[in-house]
Amino acid sequence: MTHVRSFRVVSLFSFTSILFFSLMTLLSEPLSADEGETIFAQTCAACHSIGEGRRVGPDLKNVHERRSQAWLQSFIKSSQSMVSSGDADAVKVFDEYGKMVMPDMPFTDAQIASVINHIKTASGGGGGTPVAAEPAMEAPVATDQDVARGRDLFQGIQRFGNGGPSCNSCHEASGAEVFGGGKLAVDLTGAFGRLGGTGIKGVLSGLPFPAMKHAYRKGPISDDESFALVAFLEKVSKETVQPKNYAMQMLGGGIGGLVVLFGLFGTIWGRRKKGTINREIYDRQVKSEISSDWRE
């Protein structure tokens, strides 16, 4: 019986060891291309494309040929750590894209490797087959009603269907019929010119930034709301809103104010008491005394 028990213990230990090392081997292997594609679609595609042009961030087609694997791993994990360290390439990207902060990504090395492998495949390299682009559909043309709705959504005059906060809680957009905005996030006045409609829609749908993800955690922005916001920001971006020069108005107002003040001071000064007593009463009293003397 003792030998049988020992054999069972050894067998159980061996099976556990094999299972453990098999699990470690699986975890150490890069994730499949499908996993990388899923991560990219859910997290990266809001700000980046692969061969479709720049959005919030750069187009990542063939990025693996421009940067080393180690650099990409470090940058994806924490871009700001690399910028703070003074890495020339990281600082260049940060400056080129308006100092837009790319959030740190909580991915393992294997997950990041799978994303890079997906980028290689989608770029037409890495032994994969280039991803065929879907035929482009004719984009709908925004109407004045769409622009007006986007403006109202941006300013909070109309609430989002899922209850998220208005855009101007954190952002500003300078344009006609737009009042103020927040300073917590980037100014969106020229966002359409920088990102295009696809880039803005990607940000609104993907919510890549932690603050946005938290703000709209109860529900996403719908497609029609996103369309209206893009239409509004396109109009704002195309408007040439020049800062008004108030120098001449301020100068004229200042001169006018001085004239009024001098006139007021002159009036008060003219009515001031010029002697220690009222001269009119004094003269009348003197005249009365002289008349009395003559009568006597």
Protein backbone atom coordinates (compact mmCIF):
# COMPACT_ATOMS: atom_id res chain seq x y z
CA MET A 1 0.00 0.00 0.00
CA THR A 2 2.87 2.31 0.80
CA HIS A 3 4.38 1.78 -2.65
CA VAL A 4 1.03 2.44 -4.30
CA ARG A 5 0.58 5.71 -2.38
CA SER A 6 4.11 6.80 -3.23
CA PHE A 7 3.50 6.03 -6.88
CA ARG A 8 0.29 8.09 -6.84
CA VAL A 9 2.03 11.05 -5.18
CA VAL A 10 4.87 10.92 -7.70
CA SER A 11 2.40 10.65 -10.58
CA LEU A 12 0.38 13.57 -9.29
CA PHE A 13 3.55 15.63 -8.85
CA SER A 14 4.71 14.77 -12.35
CA PHE A 15 1.33 15.66 -13.87
CA THR A 16 1.26 18.96 -11.96
CA SER A 17 4.79 19.78 -13.09
CA ILE A 18 3.99 19.01 -16.73
CA LEU A 19 0.81 21.14 -16.53
CA PHE A 20 2.72 24.00 -14.92
CA PHE A 21 5.52 24.05 -17.46
CA SER A 22 3.07 23.66 -20.32
CA LEU A 23 1.12 26.68 -19.03
CA MET A 24 4.29 28.73 -18.67
CA THR A 25 5.30 27.81 -22.20
CA LEU A 26 1.94 28.91 -23.55
CA LEU A 27 2.11 32.20 -21.67
CA SER A 28 5.62 32.88 -22.91
CA GLU A 29 4.60 32.39 -26.54
CA PRO A 30 3.32 35.41 -28.45
CA LEU A 31 -0.43 35.58 -28.77
CA SER A 32 -1.97 34.67 -32.08
CA ALA A 33 -2.41 37.19 -34.87
CA ASP A 34 -6.14 37.10 -34.19
CA GLU A 35 -5.52 38.20 -30.60
CA GLY A 36 -3.29 41.03 -31.80
CA GLU A 37 -5.91 42.08 -34.32
CA THR A 38 -8.57 42.10 -31.59
CA ILE A 39 -6.42 44.20 -29.24
CA PHE A 40 -5.60 46.62 -32.05
CA ALA A 41 -9.26 47.00 -33.04
CA GLN A 42 -10.43 47.54 -29.46
CA THR A 43 -7.64 49.78 -28.22
CA CYS A 44 -5.40 51.16 -30.96
CA ALA A 45 -7.68 51.76 -33.96
CA ALA A 46 -9.33 54.78 -32.32
CA CYS A 47 -6.11 56.75 -32.78
CA HIS A 48 -4.10 54.80 -35.37
CA SER A 49 -4.66 53.25 -38.76
CA ILE A 50 -2.59 50.79 -40.75
CA GLY A 51 -2.25 52.26 -44.21
CA GLU A 52 -5.22 54.66 -44.06
CA GLY A 53 -3.36 57.79 -43.02
CA ARG A 54 -2.76 59.61 -39.76
CA ARG A 55 -5.50 60.03 -37.19
CA VAL A 56 -4.92 61.18 -33.63
CA GLY A 57 -1.57 59.42 -33.88
CA PRO A 58 0.61 58.31 -36.80
CA ASP A 59 -0.24 55.72 -39.42
CA LEU A 60 1.41 52.51 -38.20
CA LYS A 61 1.92 50.84 -41.56
CA ASN A 62 5.45 49.38 -41.61
CA VAL A 63 6.25 51.00 -38.25
CA HIS A 64 8.22 47.83 -37.45
CA GLU A 65 10.63 48.80 -40.23
CA ARG A 66 11.15 52.31 -38.83
CA ARG A 67 11.52 51.32 -35.17
CA SER A 68 13.05 48.33 -33.42
CA GLN A 69 10.96 45.74 -31.61
CA ALA A 70 12.41 46.82 -28.26
CA TRP A 71 11.59 50.48 -28.96
CA LEU A 72 8.02 49.64 -29.92
CA GLN A 73 7.58 47.49 -26.82
CA SER A 74 8.76 50.30 -24.55
CA PHE A 75 6.80 53.03 -26.32
CA ILE A 76 3.53 51.10 -26.29
CA LYS A 77 3.93 50.32 -22.59
CA SER A 78 4.64 53.92 -21.57
CA SER A 79 5.24 56.57 -24.20
CA GLN A 80 5.60 59.33 -21.61
CA SER A 81 8.34 57.47 -19.79
CA MET A 82 10.32 57.46 -23.01
CA VAL A 83 9.57 61.13 -23.66
CA SER A 84 10.67 61.99 -20.11
CA SER A 85 13.86 60.00 -20.58
CA GLY A 86 14.75 62.19 -23.55
CA ASP A 87 14.49 59.52 -26.25
CA ALA A 88 14.86 61.53 -29.46
CA ASP A 89 12.36 59.53 -31.52
CA ALA A 90 9.75 59.55 -28.75
CA VAL A 91 10.12 63.31 -28.25
CA LYS A 92 9.83 63.88 -32.01
CA VAL A 93 6.56 61.93 -32.22
CA PHE A 94 5.22 63.69 -29.12
CA ASP A 95 5.98 67.14 -30.55
CA GLU A 96 4.77 66.30 -34.06
CA TYR A 97 1.34 65.28 -32.83
CA GLY A 98 0.69 68.34 -30.70
CA LYS A 99 1.98 66.87 -27.44
CA MET A 100 -0.98 64.51 -27.38
CA VAL A 101 -0.38 62.07 -24.53
CA MET A 102 -0.71 58.41 -25.49
CA PRO A 103 -2.04 56.52 -22.45
CA ASP A 104 0.12 53.80 -20.92
CA MET A 105 -1.02 50.38 -22.09
CA PRO A 106 -1.50 47.62 -19.47
CA PHE A 107 -0.45 44.84 -21.84
CA THR A 108 2.03 42.06 -21.32
CA ASP A 109 5.07 41.71 -23.57
CA ALA A 110 3.33 38.82 -25.32
CA GLN A 111 0.23 40.91 -26.01
CA ILE A 112 2.30 43.80 -27.35
CA ALA A 113 4.25 41.37 -29.55
CA SER A 114 0.97 40.07 -30.95
CA VAL A 115 -0.14 43.62 -31.80
CA ILE A 116 3.17 44.29 -33.57
CA ASN A 117 2.78 41.01 -35.47
CA HIS A 118 -0.69 42.11 -36.54
CA ILE A 119 0.74 45.43 -37.76
CA LYS A 120 3.36 43.53 -39.77
CA THR A 121 0.70 41.34 -41.33
CA ALA A 122 -1.68 44.22 -42.06
CA SER A 123 1.21 46.20 -43.54
CA GLY A 124 1.87 43.41 -46.00
CA GLY A 125 4.98 42.04 -44.31
CA GLY A 126 5.99 39.52 -41.69
CA GLY A 127 5.01 36.55 -43.85
CA GLY A 128 1.36 37.46 -43.79
CA THR A 129 -1.09 38.41 -46.47
CA PRO A 130 -1.94 42.08 -46.84
CA VAL A 131 -5.33 42.91 -45.40
CA ALA A 132 -7.65 43.89 -48.21
CA ALA A 133 -9.41 47.17 -47.61
CA GLU A 134 -13.15 47.10 -47.78
CA PRO A 135 -14.63 49.07 -50.67
CA ALA A 136 -15.22 52.65 -49.59
CA MET A 137 -18.82 53.66 -49.20
CA GLU A 138 -19.98 57.11 -50.16
CA ALA A 139 -19.95 59.18 -47.01
CA PRO A 140 -23.24 60.91 -46.14
CA VAL A 141 -23.24 64.68 -46.45
CA ALA A 142 -23.92 66.57 -43.24
CA THR A 143 -26.81 69.00 -43.26
CA ASP A 144 -27.24 72.25 -41.37
CA GLN A 145 -29.46 70.33 -38.95
CA ASP A 146 -26.60 67.87 -38.28
CA VAL A 147 -24.22 70.75 -37.59
CA ALA A 148 -26.74 72.41 -35.27
CA ARG A 149 -27.29 69.16 -33.40
CA GLY A 150 -23.55 68.62 -33.05
CA ARG A 151 -23.18 72.15 -31.67
CA ASP A 152 -25.95 71.54 -29.14
CA LEU A 153 -24.42 68.21 -28.09
CA PHE A 154 -21.00 69.81 -27.75
CA GLN A 155 -22.35 72.57 -25.51
CA GLY A 156 -24.75 70.45 -23.49
CA ILE A 157 -27.89 72.13 -24.81
CA GLN A 158 -28.91 68.65 -25.94
CA ARG A 159 -27.95 65.67 -23.78
CA PHE A 160 -26.32 62.52 -25.11
CA GLY A 161 -28.68 59.57 -25.35
CA ASN A 162 -26.63 57.50 -22.88
CA GLY A 163 -26.20 60.37 -20.43
CA GLY A 164 -22.55 61.27 -20.93
CA PRO A 165 -21.24 64.77 -20.15
CA SER A 166 -21.16 67.50 -22.77
CA CYS A 167 -17.91 67.95 -24.69
CA ASN A 168 -17.35 71.50 -23.49
CA SER A 169 -17.04 70.20 -19.94
CA CYS A 170 -13.41 69.49 -20.85
CA HIS A 171 -12.87 70.93 -24.34
CA GLU A 172 -13.09 74.30 -26.00
CA ALA A 173 -14.04 75.08 -29.60
CA SER A 174 -13.88 78.66 -30.84
CA GLY A 175 -16.50 79.40 -33.44
CA ALA A 176 -19.71 81.20 -34.24
CA GLU A 177 -22.52 80.53 -31.79
CA VAL A 178 -20.19 78.67 -29.42
CA PHE A 179 -19.79 79.89 -25.88
CA GLY A 180 -16.65 79.05 -23.98
CA GLY A 181 -15.54 75.60 -22.92
CA GLY A 182 -13.33 73.74 -20.50
CA LYS A 183 -9.56 73.77 -20.26
CA LEU A 184 -9.07 70.24 -18.93
CA ALA A 185 -8.35 68.79 -22.37
CA VAL A 186 -7.11 69.86 -25.80
CA ASP A 187 -8.79 72.69 -27.73
CA LEU A 188 -10.87 71.12 -30.52
CA THR A 189 -11.14 74.19 -32.75
CA GLY A 190 -8.79 72.72 -35.36
CA ALA A 191 -9.40 69.06 -34.56
CA PHE A 192 -11.01 68.26 -37.91
CA GLY A 193 -8.06 69.71 -39.80
CA ARG A 194 -5.63 67.60 -37.76
CA LEU A 195 -7.53 64.33 -37.50
CA GLY A 196 -10.16 64.33 -40.19
CA GLY A 197 -13.63 62.91 -39.75
CA THR A 198 -12.35 59.34 -39.49
CA GLY A 199 -9.92 60.22 -36.71
CA ILE A 200 -12.53 62.10 -34.66
CA LYS A 201 -15.04 59.30 -35.12
CA GLY A 202 -12.40 56.79 -34.05
CA VAL A 203 -11.75 58.70 -30.83
CA LEU A 204 -15.46 59.04 -30.07
CA SER A 205 -16.10 55.35 -30.65
CA GLY A 206 -12.91 53.95 -29.13
CA LEU A 207 -12.58 56.34 -26.16
CA PRO A 208 -8.81 55.74 -26.00
CA PHE A 209 -8.10 58.17 -23.18
CA PRO A 210 -8.77 57.20 -19.54
CA ALA A 211 -10.70 60.39 -18.75
CA MET A 212 -13.02 59.86 -21.73
CA LYS A 213 -13.46 56.18 -20.94
CA HIS A 214 -14.45 57.05 -17.36
CA ALA A 215 -16.75 59.91 -18.41
CA TYR A 216 -18.72 57.72 -20.83
CA ARG A 217 -18.52 54.50 -18.82
CA LYS A 218 -22.32 54.31 -18.54
CA GLY A 219 -22.80 54.24 -22.29
CA PRO A 220 -21.01 55.11 -25.55
CA ILE A 221 -21.69 57.97 -27.92
CA SER A 222 -24.03 56.72 -30.64
CA ASP A 223 -23.11 56.73 -34.33
CA ASP A 224 -25.58 59.47 -35.21
CA GLU A 225 -24.36 61.63 -32.32
CA SER A 226 -20.78 61.04 -33.46
CA PHE A 227 -21.74 62.04 -37.00
CA ALA A 228 -23.29 65.28 -35.75
CA LEU A 229 -20.24 66.14 -33.64
CA VAL A 230 -17.92 65.52 -36.60
CA ALA A 231 -20.10 67.78 -38.76
CA PHE A 232 -19.98 70.52 -36.14
CA LEU A 233 -16.21 70.28 -35.66
CA GLU A 234 -15.69 70.31 -39.42
CA LYS A 235 -17.58 73.59 -39.66
CA VAL A 236 -15.70 75.06 -36.69
CA SER A 237 -12.37 74.00 -38.22
CA LYS A 238 -13.21 75.69 -41.53
CA GLU A 239 -14.39 78.91 -39.99
CA THR A 240 -11.73 81.59 -40.00
CA VAL A 241 -12.39 83.02 -36.58
CA GLN A 242 -9.88 85.83 -36.22
CA PRO A 243 -9.30 87.23 -32.75
CA LYS A 244 -10.86 90.69 -32.67
CA ASN A 245 -8.47 93.58 -32.07
CA TYR A 246 -9.91 95.76 -29.34
CA ALA A 247 -6.97 98.19 -29.22
CA MET A 248 -8.72 101.10 -30.99
CA GLN A 249 -11.95 100.57 -29.06
CA MET A 250 -10.03 100.55 -25.79
CA LEU A 251 -8.10 103.69 -26.81
CA GLY A 252 -11.29 105.50 -27.81
CA GLY A 253 -13.02 104.38 -24.65
CA GLY A 254 -10.10 105.58 -22.54
CA ILE A 255 -10.02 109.02 -24.20
CA GLY A 256 -13.81 109.35 -23.87
CA GLY A 257 -13.59 108.39 -20.22
CA LEU A 258 -10.93 111.02 -19.57
CA VAL A 259 -13.04 113.70 -21.26
CA VAL A 260 -16.02 112.80 -19.09
CA LEU A 261 -13.89 112.77 -15.95
CA PHE A 262 -12.28 116.13 -16.76
CA GLY A 263 -15.71 117.60 -17.47
CA LEU A 264 -17.06 116.27 -14.21
CA PHE A 265 -14.07 117.53 -12.24
CA GLY A 266 -14.34 120.92 -13.95
CA THR A 267 -17.99 121.24 -13.00
CA ILE A 268 -17.30 120.30 -9.40
CA TRP A 269 -14.27 122.58 -9.28
CA GLY A 270 -16.26 125.53 -10.70
CA ARG A 271 -18.89 125.17 -8.01
CA ARG A 272 -16.41 124.94 -5.21
CA LYS A 273 -16.38 127.43 -2.33
CA LYS A 274 -13.72 129.95 -3.28
CA GLY A 275 -13.37 131.65 0.06
CA THR A 276 -13.72 130.97 3.74
CA ILE A 277 -17.25 132.45 3.74
CA ASN A 278 -19.99 132.87 1.22
CA ARG A 279 -18.93 135.97 -0.75
CA GLU A 280 -22.47 136.90 -1.74
CA ILE A 281 -23.64 137.05 1.87
CA TYR A 282 -20.55 138.99 2.86
CA ASP A 283 -21.04 141.59 0.11
CA ARG A 284 -24.72 141.96 0.96
CA GLN A 285 -23.90 142.47 4.63
CA VAL A 286 -21.25 145.07 3.85
CA LYS A 287 -23.65 146.90 1.54
CA SER A 288 -26.31 146.89 4.26
CA GLU A 289 -23.93 148.34 6.83
CA ILE A 290 -22.81 151.11 4.45
CA SER A 291 -26.44 152.03 3.78
CA SER A 292 -27.09 152.23 7.52
CA ASP A 293 -24.14 154.52 8.01
CA TRP A 294 -25.41 156.92 5.36
CA ARG A 295 -28.85 157.08 6.93
CA GLU A 296 -27.36 158.00 10.24
